Amino acid sequence: MSASQQSGIACPRCHSDAQVEAKILLIGKSSPSVLFPGEERAGYRRRDQVATDECKPEELQKTPLEQFAHGFYCRACGVGFLDDGLLK
């Protein structure tokens, strides 16, 4: 998909797909619950950060590139995000 084509995926912030384009995003290696045990509330999912251990392994690239995820970026909001289908 070229940068000039719309993705058809709506931005979670502005709810528009007009400025959304496909991008490769760098995500974290480990979630905060792994890095800081006991500090994350049970059942709580932060929508502002994602790590590889929170994603479906079959949706990630092979090691050592698993932190580079196919996602989206909204040029209007400056927000990068992933499709919910990537998450566990």
PDB file of N, CA and C in Angstrom:
ATOM      1  N   MET A   1       0.855  -1.168   0.000  1.00  0.00           N
ATOM      2  CA  MET A   1       0.000   0.000   0.000  1.00  0.00           C
ATOM      3  C   MET A   1       0.900   1.230   0.000  1.00  0.00           C
ATOM      4  N   SER A   2       0.673   2.134  -0.909  1.00  0.00           N
ATOM      5  CA  SER A   2       1.481   3.342  -0.952  1.00  0.00           C
ATOM      6  C   SER A   2       1.009   4.315   0.112  1.00  0.00           C
ATOM      7  N   ALA A   3       1.879   5.275   0.462  1.00  0.00           N
ATOM      8  CA  ALA A   3       1.561   6.238   1.506  1.00  0.00           C
ATOM      9  C   ALA A   3       0.358   7.087   1.149  1.00  0.00           C
ATOM     10  N   SER A   4       0.045   7.217  -0.137  1.00  0.00           N
ATOM     11  CA  SER A   4      -1.086   8.048  -0.545  1.00  0.00           C
ATOM     12  C   SER A   4      -2.422   7.312  -0.485  1.00  0.00           C
ATOM     13  N   GLN A   5      -2.398   6.001  -0.294  1.00  0.00           N
ATOM     14  CA  GLN A   5      -3.631   5.224  -0.226  1.00  0.00           C
ATOM     15  C   GLN A   5      -4.143   5.176   1.204  1.00  0.00           C
ATOM     16  N   GLN A   6      -5.468   5.256   1.362  1.00  0.00           N
ATOM     17  CA  GLN A   6      -6.071   5.117   2.679  1.00  0.00           C
ATOM     18  C   GLN A   6      -6.084   3.648   3.070  1.00  0.00           C
ATOM     19  N   SER A   7      -5.969   3.404   4.365  1.00  0.00           N
ATOM     20  CA  SER A   7      -5.923   2.034   4.852  1.00  0.00           C
ATOM     21  C   SER A   7      -7.305   1.424   5.042  1.00  0.00           C
ATOM     22  N   GLY A   8      -8.338   2.259   5.253  1.00  0.00           N
ATOM     23  CA  GLY A   8      -9.664   1.755   5.572  1.00  0.00           C
ATOM     24  C   GLY A   8      -9.812   1.455   7.051  1.00  0.00           C
ATOM     25  N   ILE A   9      -8.761   1.654   7.836  1.00  0.00           N
ATOM     26  CA  ILE A   9      -8.761   1.441   9.279  1.00  0.00           C
ATOM     27  C   ILE A   9      -8.886   2.805   9.955  1.00  0.00           C
ATOM     28  N   ALA A  10      -9.818   2.921  10.893  1.00  0.00           N
ATOM     29  CA  ALA A  10     -10.039   4.197  11.575  1.00  0.00           C
ATOM     30  C   ALA A  10      -9.052   4.400  12.719  1.00  0.00           C
ATOM     31  N   CYS A  11      -8.629   5.626  12.895  1.00  0.00           N
ATOM     32  CA  CYS A  11      -7.737   6.011  13.987  1.00  0.00           C
ATOM     33  C   CYS A  11      -8.506   5.900  15.307  1.00  0.00           C
ATOM     34  N   PRO A  12      -7.887   5.326  16.356  1.00  0.00           N
ATOM     35  CA  PRO A  12      -8.582   5.207  17.638  1.00  0.00           C
ATOM     36  C   PRO A  12      -8.803   6.561  18.324  1.00  0.00           C
ATOM     37  N   ARG A  13      -8.076   7.579  17.921  1.00  0.00           N
ATOM     38  CA  ARG A  13      -8.232   8.892  18.549  1.00  0.00           C
ATOM     39  C   ARG A  13      -9.278   9.751  17.834  1.00  0.00           C
ATOM     40  N   CYS A  14      -9.137   9.938  16.516  1.00  0.00           N
ATOM     41  CA  CYS A  14     -10.060  10.828  15.788  1.00  0.00           C
ATOM     42  C   CYS A  14     -11.185  10.073  15.084  1.00  0.00           C
ATOM     43  N   HIS A  15     -11.105   8.751  15.057  1.00  0.00           N
ATOM     44  CA  HIS A  15     -12.129   7.872  14.467  1.00  0.00           C
ATOM     45  C   HIS A  15     -12.326   8.091  12.964  1.00  0.00           C
ATOM     46  N   SER A  16     -11.312   8.594  12.292  1.00  0.00           N
ATOM     47  CA  SER A  16     -11.359   8.808  10.849  1.00  0.00           C
ATOM     48  C   SER A  16     -10.275   7.957  10.196  1.00  0.00           C
ATOM     49  N   ASP A  17     -10.516   7.553   8.947  1.00  0.00           N
ATOM     50  CA  ASP A  17      -9.481   6.822   8.220  1.00  0.00           C
ATOM     51  C   ASP A  17      -8.816   7.696   7.148  1.00  0.00           C
ATOM     52  N   ALA A  18      -9.183   8.969   7.104  1.00  0.00           N
ATOM     53  CA  ALA A  18      -8.708   9.863   6.045  1.00  0.00           C
ATOM     54  C   ALA A  18      -7.198  10.060   6.045  1.00  0.00           C
ATOM     55  N   GLN A  19      -6.567  10.064   7.210  1.00  0.00           N
ATOM     56  CA  GLN A  19      -5.134  10.325   7.312  1.00  0.00           C
ATOM     57  C   GLN A  19      -4.351   9.105   7.803  1.00  0.00           C
ATOM     58  N   VAL A  20      -4.968   7.932   7.805  1.00  0.00           N
ATOM     59  CA  VAL A  20      -4.326   6.716   8.312  1.00  0.00           C
ATOM     60  C   VAL A  20      -3.607   5.988   7.183  1.00  0.00           C
ATOM     61  N   GLU A  21      -2.371   5.600   7.453  1.00  0.00           N
ATOM     62  CA  GLU A  21      -1.588   4.840   6.471  1.00  0.00           C
ATOM     63  C   GLU A  21      -0.895   3.671   7.165  1.00  0.00           C
ATOM     64  N   ALA A  22      -0.605   2.646   6.382  1.00  0.00           N
ATOM     65  CA  ALA A  22       0.091   1.472   6.899  1.00  0.00           C
ATOM     66  C   ALA A  22       1.537   1.834   7.202  1.00  0.00           C
ATOM     67  N   LYS A  23       2.047   1.347   8.322  1.00  0.00           N
ATOM     68  CA  LYS A  23       3.426   1.597   8.747  1.00  0.00           C
ATOM     69  C   LYS A  23       3.962   0.377   9.480  1.00  0.00           C
ATOM     70  N   ILE A  24       5.277   0.244   9.501  1.00  0.00           N
ATOM     71  CA  ILE A  24       5.937  -0.737  10.364  1.00  0.00           C
ATOM     72  C   ILE A  24       6.244   0.001  11.663  1.00  0.00           C
ATOM     73  N   LEU A  25       5.759  -0.543  12.780  1.00  0.00           N
ATOM     74  CA  LEU A  25       5.942   0.095  14.080  1.00  0.00           C
ATOM     75  C   LEU A  25       6.866  -0.741  14.957  1.00  0.00           C
ATOM     76  N   LEU A  26       7.673  -0.069  15.756  1.00  0.00           N
ATOM     77  CA  LEU A  26       8.530  -0.737  16.732  1.00  0.00           C
ATOM     78  C   LEU A  26       7.744  -0.858  18.026  1.00  0.00           C
ATOM     79  N   ILE A  27       7.558  -2.089  18.513  1.00  0.00           N
ATOM     80  CA  ILE A  27       6.841  -2.306  19.770  1.00  0.00           C
ATOM     81  C   ILE A  27       7.810  -2.837  20.810  1.00  0.00           C
ATOM     82  N   GLY A  28       7.402  -2.813  22.070  1.00  0.00           N
ATOM     83  CA  GLY A  28       8.258  -3.239  23.178  1.00  0.00           C
ATOM     84  C   GLY A  28       8.558  -4.727  23.160  1.00  0.00           C
ATOM     85  N   LYS A  29       9.641  -5.094  23.815  1.00  0.00           N
ATOM     86  CA  LYS A  29      10.031  -6.493  23.921  1.00  0.00           C
ATOM     87  C   LYS A  29       9.230  -7.220  25.003  1.00  0.00           C
ATOM     88  N   SER A  30       8.986  -6.547  26.130  1.00  0.00           N
ATOM     89  CA  SER A  30       8.233  -7.136  27.237  1.00  0.00           C
ATOM     90  C   SER A  30       7.229  -6.137  27.778  1.00  0.00           C
ATOM     91  N   SER A  31       6.077  -6.634  28.173  1.00  0.00           N
ATOM     92  CA  SER A  31       5.044  -5.766  28.727  1.00  0.00           C
ATOM     93  C   SER A  31       5.432  -5.325  30.136  1.00  0.00           C
ATOM     94  N   PRO A  32       4.835  -4.231  30.619  1.00  0.00           N
ATOM     95  CA  PRO A  32       5.128  -3.765  31.983  1.00  0.00           C
ATOM     96  C   PRO A  32       4.844  -4.831  33.042  1.00  0.00           C
ATOM     97  N   SER A  33       3.866  -5.702  32.808  1.00  0.00           N
ATOM     98  CA  SER A  33       3.563  -6.743  33.795  1.00  0.00           C
ATOM     99  C   SER A  33       4.720  -7.733  33.944  1.00  0.00           C
ATOM    100  N   VAL A  34       5.522  -7.899  32.894  1.00  0.00           N
ATOM    101  CA  VAL A  34       6.697  -8.773  32.961  1.00  0.00           C
ATOM    102  C   VAL A  34       7.876  -8.012  33.575  1.00  0.00           C
ATOM    103  N   LEU A  35       8.037  -6.765  33.178  1.00  0.00           N
ATOM    104  CA  LEU A  35       9.154  -5.953  33.669  1.00  0.00           C
ATOM    105  C   LEU A  35       8.978  -5.540  35.129  1.00  0.00           C
ATOM    106  N   PHE A  36       7.742  -5.261  35.535  1.00  0.00           N
ATOM    107  CA  PHE A  36       7.455  -4.775  36.881  1.00  0.00           C
ATOM    108  C   PHE A  36       6.315  -5.595  37.496  1.00  0.00           C
ATOM    109  N   PRO A  37       6.589  -6.832  37.906  1.00  0.00           N
ATOM    110  CA  PRO A  37       5.531  -7.700  38.439  1.00  0.00           C
ATOM    111  C   PRO A  37       4.803  -7.052  39.620  1.00  0.00           C
ATOM    112  N   GLY A  38       3.485  -7.204  39.624  1.00  0.00           N
ATOM    113  CA  GLY A  38       2.688  -6.685  40.715  1.00  0.00           C
ATOM    114  C   GLY A  38       2.251  -5.244  40.569  1.00  0.00           C
ATOM    115  N   GLU A  39       2.802  -4.508  39.608  1.00  0.00           N
ATOM    116  CA  GLU A  39       2.437  -3.106  39.442  1.00  0.00           C
ATOM    117  C   GLU A  39       1.292  -2.892  38.469  1.00  0.00           C
ATOM    118  N   GLU A  40       0.999  -3.873  37.633  1.00  0.00           N
ATOM    119  CA  GLU A  40      -0.103  -3.771  36.678  1.00  0.00           C
ATOM    120  C   GLU A  40      -1.346  -4.389  37.293  1.00  0.00           C
ATOM    121  N   ARG A  41      -2.481  -3.751  37.120  1.00  0.00           N
ATOM    122  CA  ARG A  41      -3.749  -4.289  37.625  1.00  0.00           C
ATOM    123  C   ARG A  41      -4.158  -5.497  36.786  1.00  0.00           C
ATOM    124  N   ALA A  42      -4.670  -6.507  37.436  1.00  0.00           N
ATOM    125  CA  ALA A  42      -5.115  -7.724  36.742  1.00  0.00           C
ATOM    126  C   ALA A  42      -6.229  -7.396  35.761  1.00  0.00           C
ATOM    127  N   GLY A  43      -6.116  -7.892  34.553  1.00  0.00           N
ATOM    128  CA  GLY A  43      -7.136  -7.686  33.536  1.00  0.00           C
ATOM    129  C   GLY A  43      -7.097  -6.326  32.859  1.00  0.00           C
ATOM    130  N   TYR A  44      -6.167  -5.488  33.239  1.00  0.00           N
ATOM    131  CA  TYR A  44      -6.081  -4.140  32.660  1.00  0.00           C
ATOM    132  C   TYR A  44      -5.143  -4.151  31.467  1.00  0.00           C
ATOM    133  N   ARG A  45      -5.604  -3.632  30.343  1.00  0.00           N
ATOM    134  CA  ARG A  45      -4.764  -3.559  29.144  1.00  0.00           C
ATOM    135  C   ARG A  45      -4.540  -2.100  28.787  1.00  0.00           C
ATOM    136  N   ARG A  46      -3.283  -1.694  28.784  1.00  0.00           N
ATOM    137  CA  ARG A  46      -2.954  -0.325  28.394  1.00  0.00           C
ATOM    138  C   ARG A  46      -3.044  -0.233  26.888  1.00  0.00           C
ATOM    139  N   ARG A  47      -3.778   0.760  26.409  1.00  0.00           N
ATOM    140  CA  ARG A  47      -3.956   0.919  24.969  1.00  0.00           C
ATOM    141  C   ARG A  47      -2.874   1.804  24.374  1.00  0.00           C
ATOM    142  N   ASP A  48      -2.026   2.403  25.227  1.00  0.00           N
ATOM    143  CA  ASP A  48      -1.006   3.316  24.712  1.00  0.00           C
ATOM    144  C   ASP A  48       0.351   2.650  24.533  1.00  0.00           C
ATOM    145  N   GLN A  49       0.466   1.388  24.876  1.00  0.00           N
ATOM    146  CA  GLN A  49       1.716   0.667  24.644  1.00  0.00           C
ATOM    147  C   GLN A  49       1.434  -0.813  24.461  1.00  0.00           C
ATOM    148  N   VAL A  50       2.244  -1.437  23.635  1.00  0.00           N
ATOM    149  CA  VAL A  50       2.083  -2.851  23.332  1.00  0.00           C
ATOM    150  C   VAL A  50       3.463  -3.483  23.288  1.00  0.00           C
ATOM    151  N   ALA A  51       3.553  -4.722  23.729  1.00  0.00           N
ATOM    152  CA  ALA A  51       4.816  -5.462  23.689  1.00  0.00           C
ATOM    153  C   ALA A  51       4.593  -6.787  22.965  1.00  0.00           C
ATOM    154  N   THR A  52       5.695  -7.406  22.561  1.00  0.00           N
ATOM    155  CA  THR A  52       5.603  -8.647  21.793  1.00  0.00           C
ATOM    156  C   THR A  52       4.904  -9.764  22.563  1.00  0.00           C
ATOM    157  N   ASP A  53       5.045  -9.792  23.895  1.00  0.00           N
ATOM    158  CA  ASP A  53       4.409 -10.853  24.670  1.00  0.00           C
ATOM    159  C   ASP A  53       2.903 -10.664  24.821  1.00  0.00           C
ATOM    160  N   GLU A  54       2.367  -9.550  24.327  1.00  0.00           N
ATOM    161  CA  GLU A  54       0.929  -9.307  24.336  1.00  0.00           C
ATOM    162  C   GLU A  54       0.295  -9.560  22.964  1.00  0.00           C
ATOM    163  N   CYS A  55       1.107 -10.009  22.014  1.00  0.00           N
ATOM    164  CA  CYS A  55       0.650 -10.241  20.643  1.00  0.00           C
ATOM    165  C   CYS A  55       0.619 -11.735  20.333  1.00  0.00           C
ATOM    166  N   LYS A  56      -0.198 -12.088  19.358  1.00  0.00           N
ATOM    167  CA  LYS A  56      -0.247 -13.472  18.899  1.00  0.00           C
ATOM    168  C   LYS A  56       1.072 -13.789  18.194  1.00  0.00           C
ATOM    169  N   PRO A  57       1.787 -14.824  18.623  1.00  0.00           N
ATOM    170  CA  PRO A  57       3.089 -15.140  18.035  1.00  0.00           C
ATOM    171  C   PRO A  57       3.042 -15.344  16.521  1.00  0.00           C
ATOM    172  N   GLU A  58       1.949 -15.930  16.027  1.00  0.00           N
ATOM    173  CA  GLU A  58       1.843 -16.191  14.588  1.00  0.00           C
ATOM    174  C   GLU A  58       1.682 -14.909  13.773  1.00  0.00           C
ATOM    175  N   GLU A  59       1.348 -13.797  14.429  1.00  0.00           N
ATOM    176  CA  GLU A  59       1.189 -12.514  13.743  1.00  0.00           C
ATOM    177  C   GLU A  59       2.473 -11.687  13.727  1.00  0.00           C
ATOM    178  N   LEU A  60       3.480 -12.108  14.490  1.00  0.00           N
ATOM    179  CA  LEU A  60       4.744 -11.381  14.554  1.00  0.00           C
ATOM    180  C   LEU A  60       5.740 -11.922  13.540  1.00  0.00           C
ATOM    181  N   GLN A  61       6.722 -11.100  13.225  1.00  0.00           N
ATOM    182  CA  GLN A  61       7.794 -11.538  12.339  1.00  0.00           C
ATOM    183  C   GLN A  61       8.730 -12.466  13.104  1.00  0.00           C
ATOM    184  N   LYS A  62       9.549 -13.198  12.390  1.00  0.00           N
ATOM    185  CA  LYS A  62      10.503 -14.127  12.999  1.00  0.00           C
ATOM    186  C   LYS A  62      11.604 -13.363  13.739  1.00  0.00           C
ATOM    187  N   THR A  63      12.153 -13.990  14.791  1.00  0.00           N
ATOM    188  CA  THR A  63      13.277 -13.436  15.546  1.00  0.00           C
ATOM    189  C   THR A  63      14.437 -13.190  14.593  1.00  0.00           C
ATOM    190  N   PRO A  64      15.122 -12.102  14.646  1.00  0.00           N
ATOM    191  CA  PRO A  64      15.140 -11.045  15.651  1.00  0.00           C
ATOM    192  C   PRO A  64      14.257  -9.843  15.298  1.00  0.00           C
ATOM    193  N   LEU A  65      13.348  -9.984  14.365  1.00  0.00           N
ATOM    194  CA  LEU A  65      12.548  -8.852  13.895  1.00  0.00           C
ATOM    195  C   LEU A  65      11.157  -8.787  14.514  1.00  0.00           C
ATOM    196  N   GLU A  66      10.907  -9.556  15.588  1.00  0.00           N
ATOM    197  CA  GLU A  66       9.556  -9.627  16.142  1.00  0.00           C
ATOM    198  C   GLU A  66       9.045  -8.302  16.719  1.00  0.00           C
ATOM    199  N   GLN A  67       9.942  -7.380  17.021  1.00  0.00           N
ATOM    200  CA  GLN A  67       9.508  -6.091  17.560  1.00  0.00           C
ATOM    201  C   GLN A  67       9.016  -5.132  16.473  1.00  0.00           C
ATOM    202  N   PHE A  68       9.184  -5.475  15.211  1.00  0.00           N
ATOM    203  CA  PHE A  68       8.695  -4.644  14.112  1.00  0.00           C
ATOM    204  C   PHE A  68       7.350  -5.194  13.646  1.00  0.00           C
ATOM    205  N   ALA A  69       6.282  -4.509  14.005  1.00  0.00           N
ATOM    206  CA  ALA A  69       4.928  -4.990  13.724  1.00  0.00           C
ATOM    207  C   ALA A  69       4.279  -4.172  12.612  1.00  0.00           C
ATOM    208  N   HIS A  70       3.494  -4.838  11.792  1.00  0.00           N
ATOM    209  CA  HIS A  70       2.729  -4.152  10.749  1.00  0.00           C
ATOM    210  C   HIS A  70       1.551  -3.452  11.434  1.00  0.00           C
ATOM    211  N   GLY A  71       1.554  -2.133  11.378  1.00  0.00           N
ATOM    212  CA  GLY A  71       0.518  -1.354  12.035  1.00  0.00           C
ATOM    213  C   GLY A  71       0.073  -0.193  11.171  1.00  0.00           C
ATOM    214  N   PHE A  72      -0.403   0.843  11.826  1.00  0.00           N
ATOM    215  CA  PHE A  72      -0.954   2.011  11.145  1.00  0.00           C
ATOM    216  C   PHE A  72      -0.513   3.276  11.858  1.00  0.00           C
ATOM    217  N   TYR A  73      -0.533   4.384  11.119  1.00  0.00           N
ATOM    218  CA  TYR A  73      -0.165   5.686  11.672  1.00  0.00           C
ATOM    219  C   TYR A  73      -1.145   6.727  11.157  1.00  0.00           C
ATOM    220  N   CYS A  74      -1.690   7.537  12.072  1.00  0.00           N
ATOM    221  CA  CYS A  74      -2.600   8.620  11.695  1.00  0.00           C
ATOM    222  C   CYS A  74      -1.783   9.903  11.613  1.00  0.00           C
ATOM    223  N   ARG A  75      -1.661  10.447  10.416  1.00  0.00           N
ATOM    224  CA  ARG A  75      -0.888  11.677  10.228  1.00  0.00           C
ATOM    225  C   ARG A  75      -1.560  12.868  10.899  1.00  0.00           C
ATOM    226  N   ALA A  76      -2.873  12.861  11.028  1.00  0.00           N
ATOM    227  CA  ALA A  76      -3.590  13.976  11.653  1.00  0.00           C
ATOM    228  C   ALA A  76      -3.335  14.024  13.161  1.00  0.00           C
ATOM    229  N   CYS A  77      -3.307  12.887  13.814  1.00  0.00           N
ATOM    230  CA  CYS A  77      -3.164  12.821  15.276  1.00  0.00           C
ATOM    231  C   CYS A  77      -1.736  12.539  15.737  1.00  0.00           C
ATOM    232  N   GLY A  78      -0.909  11.986  14.841  1.00  0.00           N
ATOM    233  CA  GLY A  78       0.439  11.594  15.244  1.00  0.00           C
ATOM    234  C   GLY A  78       0.434  10.344  16.113  1.00  0.00           C
ATOM    235  N   VAL A  79      -0.539   9.453  15.863  1.00  0.00           N
ATOM    236  CA  VAL A  79      -0.707   8.249  16.673  1.00  0.00           C
ATOM    237  C   VAL A  79      -0.426   7.012  15.838  1.00  0.00           C
ATOM    238  N   GLY A  80       0.428   6.135  16.357  1.00  0.00           N
ATOM    239  CA  GLY A  80       0.652   4.836  15.753  1.00  0.00           C
ATOM    240  C   GLY A  80      -0.186   3.812  16.499  1.00  0.00           C
ATOM    241  N   PHE A  81      -0.742   2.824  15.787  1.00  0.00           N
ATOM    242  CA  PHE A  81      -1.569   1.810  16.443  1.00  0.00           C
ATOM    243  C   PHE A  81      -1.567   0.534  15.639  1.00  0.00           C
ATOM    244  N   LEU A  82      -1.962  -0.549  16.318  1.00  0.00           N
ATOM    245  CA  LEU A  82      -2.021  -1.876  15.717  1.00  0.00           C
ATOM    246  C   LEU A  82      -3.474  -2.318  15.571  1.00  0.00           C
ATOM    247  N   ASP A  83      -3.716  -3.206  14.638  1.00  0.00           N
ATOM    248  CA  ASP A  83      -5.034  -3.826  14.491  1.00  0.00           C
ATOM    249  C   ASP A  83      -5.261  -4.716  15.708  1.00  0.00           C
ATOM    250  N   ASP A  84      -6.469  -4.692  16.260  1.00  0.00           N
ATOM    251  CA  ASP A  84      -6.779  -5.498  17.433  1.00  0.00           C
ATOM    252  C   ASP A  84      -6.580  -6.999  17.183  1.00  0.00           C
ATOM    253  N   GLY A  85      -6.633  -7.446  15.931  1.00  0.00           N
ATOM    254  CA  GLY A  85      -6.435  -8.846  15.593  1.00  0.00           C
ATOM    255  C   GLY A  85      -5.023  -9.343  15.883  1.00  0.00           C
ATOM    256  N   LEU A  86      -4.090  -8.447  16.070  1.00  0.00           N
ATOM    257  CA  LEU A  86      -2.710  -8.811  16.380  1.00  0.00           C
ATOM    258  C   LEU A  86      -2.542  -9.165  17.858  1.00  0.00           C
ATOM    259  N   LEU A  87      -3.422  -8.652  18.701  1.00  0.00           N
ATOM    260  CA  LEU A  87      -3.302  -8.826  20.144  1.00  0.00           C
ATOM    261  C   LEU A  87      -3.914 -10.126  20.624  1.00  0.00           C
ATOM    262  N   LYS A  88      -3.349 -10.659  21.717  1.00  0.00           N
ATOM    263  CA  LYS A  88      -3.874 -11.894  22.332  1.00  0.00           C
ATOM    264  C   LYS A  88      -5.225 -11.619  22.941  1.00  0.00           C
TER     265      LYS A  88
END
